[in-house]
Structure formats: C-alpha cells, structure tokens
C-alpha cells in the first residue's frame, strides 16, 4: 500500500461518525428543554409575573443571565478542541458582570441607603442557593457527558465553563420564580449559587474530561 493510500485509509477510519457541533447543539437544546419541563412542572413562575414583566428590574435579570449563558455555552464548546482554543475568549464573560455592576450602582442611587440591606438580603436567598444548583444539575451532566467526546486542553477549565453555562441556564429559569428583582440581590446571591455549580463543573472536568 502506498503512503498516500495509507493516509487516506487512516483518515477514513478516524473520520467522526457524527458532527460534534450538531451533537452539542442537540445536547444544549435537550438540557434547556429538560430544565423547562422540571421548572414549570415542579416550581413555576411567580404569580405576579405579568406585572413584574413591566418593570426594568425583573427584565434586567434575564439580560444578565442570558448574556452569560450564551457566551459560556459557546466557550464550553470551543474549549473542547485544541484547534478552537484560540477562539475561547474568556474576557467576554465579564460583560454581564459589568452590566450588573452598572445596574447595582444605579440601584444604590435610586434606593435610600436604609433599604440597601433589605434589598440585598431579600426574601428568597435560600431558594436561590438551592434551586439554581438543582436546576443546573441536568445541563451540567449533559455537558460533561458530551464533552468527553472532545479533547479539551484544560479539563478543569472546560468543566468550570460548562458549570458556568449550566448555572446561567438554571438562573434564567429561576429568575422567573424569584420575587427579589433588585440588582443588589442578584449581584450577591446569584453568583454565590452559580459558584457552587462552577466548582462542581471544575471537579467533574478534572475527573471525566482528562485525556
């Protein structure tokens, strides 16, 4: 067998049987759908959601969570292949943080200082710390199972970003139920709850994505 024939034979044997990108899209869509089913079946949106949807504080929660979920999910995909490592711009993840910091500063200016701690503590901190990690469990599991088919250069980082994506998806659903709309609450409790998932993703990546 000639060299070029051998190369073609090896390439044919190693050709992917399915598109990893397509599988990633399907997995992400399935994880979101599964979370939606669990949320609407077991938790549900807040009763006054129609009224809340007319306020900027309620809507801004989704600006933050979605602006984090989309780039984090995209970044998790790019980190699974060495060839796409250069496309993994971690800096884009600070955009929702800057938005949240700006909204928090605006809130501090609008609300009397006597109410700052009231808005920060809120009334749903326990639910926030519980429901976001629980809702993130399914997306994180789906991501880690699929990402094993990739070849991440940094398994811990890839797992952590997958955890960030999963927690942002979960936070988007949880925001529909949460009565605390103040940016002071969001900037405090949402990151704390999401950090649990990020840590779990890091450990999961170290355990399951190392090659």
Protein backbone atom coordinates (compact mmCIF):
# COMPACT_ATOMS: atom_id res chain seq x y z
CA UNK A 1 0.00 0.00 0.00
CA UNK A 2 1.35 3.42 -0.95
CA UNK A 3 1.83 6.18 1.58
CA UNK A 4 -0.99 8.35 0.23
CA UNK A 5 -3.34 5.36 0.26
CA UNK A 6 -2.40 4.61 3.87
CA UNK A 7 -3.07 8.22 4.87
CA UNK A 8 -6.48 8.13 3.20
CA UNK A 9 -7.31 4.85 4.93
CA UNK A 10 -6.33 6.22 8.33
CA UNK A 11 -8.30 9.38 7.73
CA UNK A 12 -11.35 7.34 6.79
CA UNK A 13 -11.05 5.25 9.95
CA UNK A 14 -10.72 8.36 12.13
CA UNK A 15 -13.50 10.33 10.47
CA UNK A 16 -16.06 11.41 13.05
CA UNK A 17 -19.24 9.38 12.90
CA UNK A 18 -21.28 12.39 13.84
CA UNK A 19 -20.88 16.10 13.92
CA UNK A 20 -19.72 17.14 17.36
CA UNK A 21 -21.18 20.59 16.83
CA UNK A 22 -24.55 19.12 15.94
CA UNK A 23 -24.41 16.85 18.97
CA UNK A 24 -23.51 19.83 21.16
CA UNK A 25 -26.45 21.86 19.85
CA UNK A 26 -28.83 18.94 20.40
CA UNK A 27 -27.46 18.37 23.89
CA UNK A 28 -27.83 22.03 24.82
CA UNK A 29 -31.37 22.17 23.46
CA UNK A 30 -32.28 18.97 25.30
CA UNK A 31 -30.82 20.27 28.57
CA UNK A 32 -32.78 23.52 28.26
CA UNK A 33 -35.96 21.63 27.40
CA UNK A 34 -35.47 19.27 30.35
CA UNK A 35 -34.93 22.21 32.70
CA UNK A 36 -38.06 23.89 31.33
CA UNK A 37 -40.13 20.78 31.99
CA UNK A 38 -38.80 20.43 35.53
CA UNK A 39 -39.26 24.14 36.27
CA UNK A 40 -42.81 24.51 35.00
CA UNK A 41 -43.91 21.17 36.45
CA UNK A 42 -42.38 21.50 39.91
CA UNK A 43 -41.67 25.19 40.54
CA UNK A 44 -43.44 27.51 38.16
CA UNK A 45 -43.19 31.27 37.60
CA UNK A 46 -44.20 33.80 40.23
CA UNK A 47 -47.93 34.60 40.33
CA UNK A 48 -47.44 38.29 39.51
CA UNK A 49 -45.16 37.70 36.55
CA UNK A 50 -47.33 39.76 34.19
CA UNK A 51 -46.99 42.80 36.45
CA UNK A 52 -43.31 42.13 37.15
CA UNK A 53 -42.57 41.93 33.42
CA UNK A 54 -43.41 45.62 33.17
CA UNK A 55 -40.54 46.58 35.48
CA UNK A 56 -36.93 47.04 34.44
CA UNK A 57 -35.53 45.21 37.45
CA UNK A 58 -37.32 41.97 36.58
CA UNK A 59 -36.38 42.14 32.89
CA UNK A 60 -32.79 43.05 33.68
CA UNK A 61 -32.28 39.72 35.45
CA UNK A 62 -32.69 37.99 32.09
CA UNK A 63 -30.33 40.42 30.40
CA UNK A 64 -27.67 39.28 32.87
CA UNK A 65 -28.38 35.54 32.83
CA UNK A 66 -28.78 35.24 29.05
CA UNK A 67 -25.74 37.41 28.32
CA UNK A 68 -23.81 34.92 30.42
CA UNK A 69 -25.48 31.69 29.29
CA UNK A 70 -24.93 32.20 25.55
CA UNK A 71 -21.18 33.03 25.56
CA UNK A 72 -20.43 30.49 28.33
CA UNK A 73 -22.12 27.73 26.34
CA UNK A 74 -20.27 28.75 23.18
CA UNK A 75 -16.99 28.90 25.08
CA UNK A 76 -17.54 25.43 26.58
CA UNK A 77 -17.84 24.08 23.04
CA UNK A 78 -14.71 25.85 21.82
CA UNK A 79 -12.62 24.66 24.75
CA UNK A 80 -13.19 21.02 23.78
CA UNK A 81 -10.90 21.20 20.75
CA UNK A 82 -7.26 22.38 20.70
CA UNK A 83 -7.83 23.85 17.24
CA UNK A 84 -10.51 26.19 18.61
CA UNK A 85 -8.65 27.10 21.80
CA UNK A 86 -7.62 30.44 20.36
CA UNK A 87 -11.29 31.29 19.81
CA UNK A 88 -12.07 30.82 23.50
CA UNK A 89 -12.15 34.40 24.71
CA UNK A 90 -12.73 34.30 28.45
CA UNK A 91 -12.92 38.08 28.55
CA UNK A 92 -16.42 38.05 27.09
CA UNK A 93 -17.68 36.53 30.33
CA UNK A 94 -17.10 39.80 32.18
CA UNK A 95 -19.68 41.64 30.06
CA UNK A 96 -22.67 40.54 32.21
CA UNK A 97 -20.64 41.41 35.31
CA UNK A 98 -20.11 44.96 34.09
CA UNK A 99 -23.81 45.24 33.25
CA UNK A 100 -24.73 44.02 36.71
CA UNK A 101 -22.27 46.39 38.39
CA UNK A 102 -23.74 49.30 36.44
CA UNK A 103 -27.29 48.29 37.41
CA UNK A 104 -26.22 47.92 41.04
CA UNK A 105 -24.73 51.42 41.07
CA UNK A 106 -27.97 52.73 39.55
CA UNK A 107 -29.98 50.90 42.21
CA UNK A 108 -27.87 52.37 45.01
CA UNK A 109 -28.58 55.81 43.60
CA UNK A 110 -32.34 55.19 43.33
CA UNK A 111 -32.97 53.45 46.65
CA UNK A 112 -32.49 55.12 50.06
CA UNK A 113 -29.50 53.75 51.95
CA UNK A 114 -31.79 52.49 54.70
CA UNK A 115 -33.19 49.95 52.22
CA UNK A 116 -29.91 48.74 50.78
CA UNK A 117 -29.54 45.76 53.12
CA UNK A 118 -33.22 44.93 52.81
CA UNK A 119 -32.92 44.72 49.04
CA UNK A 120 -29.64 42.81 49.27
CA UNK A 121 -30.89 40.16 51.71
CA UNK A 122 -34.27 39.84 50.02
CA UNK A 123 -36.69 37.06 50.85
CA UNK A 124 -35.59 34.23 48.57
CA UNK A 125 -31.90 33.75 49.30
CA UNK A 126 -32.39 30.15 50.45
CA UNK A 127 -34.41 29.32 47.33
CA UNK A 128 -31.77 30.97 45.18
CA UNK A 129 -28.93 28.99 46.74
CA UNK A 130 -30.93 25.78 46.40
CA UNK A 131 -32.86 25.95 43.15
CA UNK A 132 -30.13 27.26 40.87
CA UNK A 133 -27.73 24.36 41.65
CA UNK A 134 -30.58 21.85 41.41
CA UNK A 135 -31.78 23.20 38.07
CA UNK A 136 -28.19 23.25 36.82
CA UNK A 137 -27.65 19.57 37.59
CA UNK A 138 -29.21 18.26 34.36
CA UNK A 139 -27.46 20.72 31.98
CA UNK A 140 -24.10 20.19 33.68
CA UNK A 141 -24.43 16.41 33.48
CA UNK A 142 -25.37 16.62 29.80
CA UNK A 143 -22.42 18.90 29.06
CA UNK A 144 -19.88 16.73 30.87
CA UNK A 145 -21.11 13.53 29.19
CA UNK A 146 -20.89 15.09 25.74
CA UNK A 147 -17.61 16.95 26.30
CA UNK A 148 -15.90 13.63 26.97
CA UNK A 149 -16.01 13.14 23.18
CA UNK A 150 -13.89 16.26 22.76
CA UNK A 151 -10.25 16.92 23.50
CA UNK A 152 -10.01 19.83 25.95
CA UNK A 153 -6.54 21.14 26.71
CA UNK A 154 -7.55 22.14 30.21
CA UNK A 155 -10.12 19.72 31.61
CA UNK A 156 -10.71 21.71 34.79
CA UNK A 157 -11.27 24.99 32.97
CA UNK A 158 -13.56 23.33 30.43
CA UNK A 159 -15.60 21.75 33.20
CA UNK A 160 -15.82 25.04 35.09
CA UNK A 161 -17.05 26.89 32.00
CA UNK A 162 -19.59 24.11 31.41
CA UNK A 163 -20.71 24.62 35.00
CA UNK A 164 -20.99 28.34 34.39
CA UNK A 165 -23.12 27.73 31.30
CA UNK A 166 -25.32 25.24 33.15
CA UNK A 167 -25.80 27.59 36.12
CA UNK A 168 -26.63 30.53 33.84
CA UNK A 169 -29.30 28.43 32.13
CA UNK A 170 -30.64 27.43 35.54
CA UNK A 171 -30.58 31.03 36.78
CA UNK A 172 -32.61 32.13 33.76
CA UNK A 173 -35.41 29.76 34.75
CA UNK A 174 -35.10 30.56 38.43
CA UNK A 175 -35.43 34.29 37.68
CA UNK A 176 -38.98 33.59 36.52
CA UNK A 177 -39.85 32.45 40.04
CA UNK A 178 -37.70 34.79 42.14
CA UNK A 179 -39.54 37.69 43.79
CA UNK A 180 -36.31 39.57 44.51
CA UNK A 181 -35.61 41.69 41.44
CA UNK A 182 -33.17 44.20 42.89
CA UNK A 183 -29.70 44.17 41.32
CA UNK A 184 -28.39 44.21 44.90
CA UNK A 185 -29.93 40.78 45.43
CA UNK A 186 -28.89 39.46 42.03
CA UNK A 187 -25.26 40.52 42.33
CA UNK A 188 -25.00 38.86 45.74
CA UNK A 189 -26.94 35.61 45.68
CA UNK A 190 -26.95 34.58 42.04
CA UNK A 191 -23.13 34.44 41.79
CA UNK A 192 -22.93 32.57 45.10
CA UNK A 193 -25.38 29.94 43.88
CA UNK A 194 -23.68 29.70 40.48
CA UNK A 195 -20.24 29.33 42.04
CA UNK A 196 -21.38 26.01 43.53
CA UNK A 197 -22.11 24.72 40.04
CA UNK A 198 -18.87 26.13 38.63
CA UNK A 199 -16.92 24.33 41.35
CA UNK A 200 -18.80 21.10 40.63
CA UNK A 201 -18.06 21.56 36.93
CA UNK A 202 -14.38 22.06 37.62
CA UNK A 203 -14.19 18.88 39.69
CA UNK A 204 -16.27 17.00 37.11
CA UNK A 205 -13.97 18.19 34.36
CA UNK A 206 -10.88 17.06 36.24
CA UNK A 207 -12.44 13.65 36.80
CA UNK A 208 -14.14 12.97 33.47
CA UNK A 209 -12.58 15.22 30.81
CA UNK A 210 -8.89 14.49 31.35
CA UNK A 211 -7.32 12.59 28.47
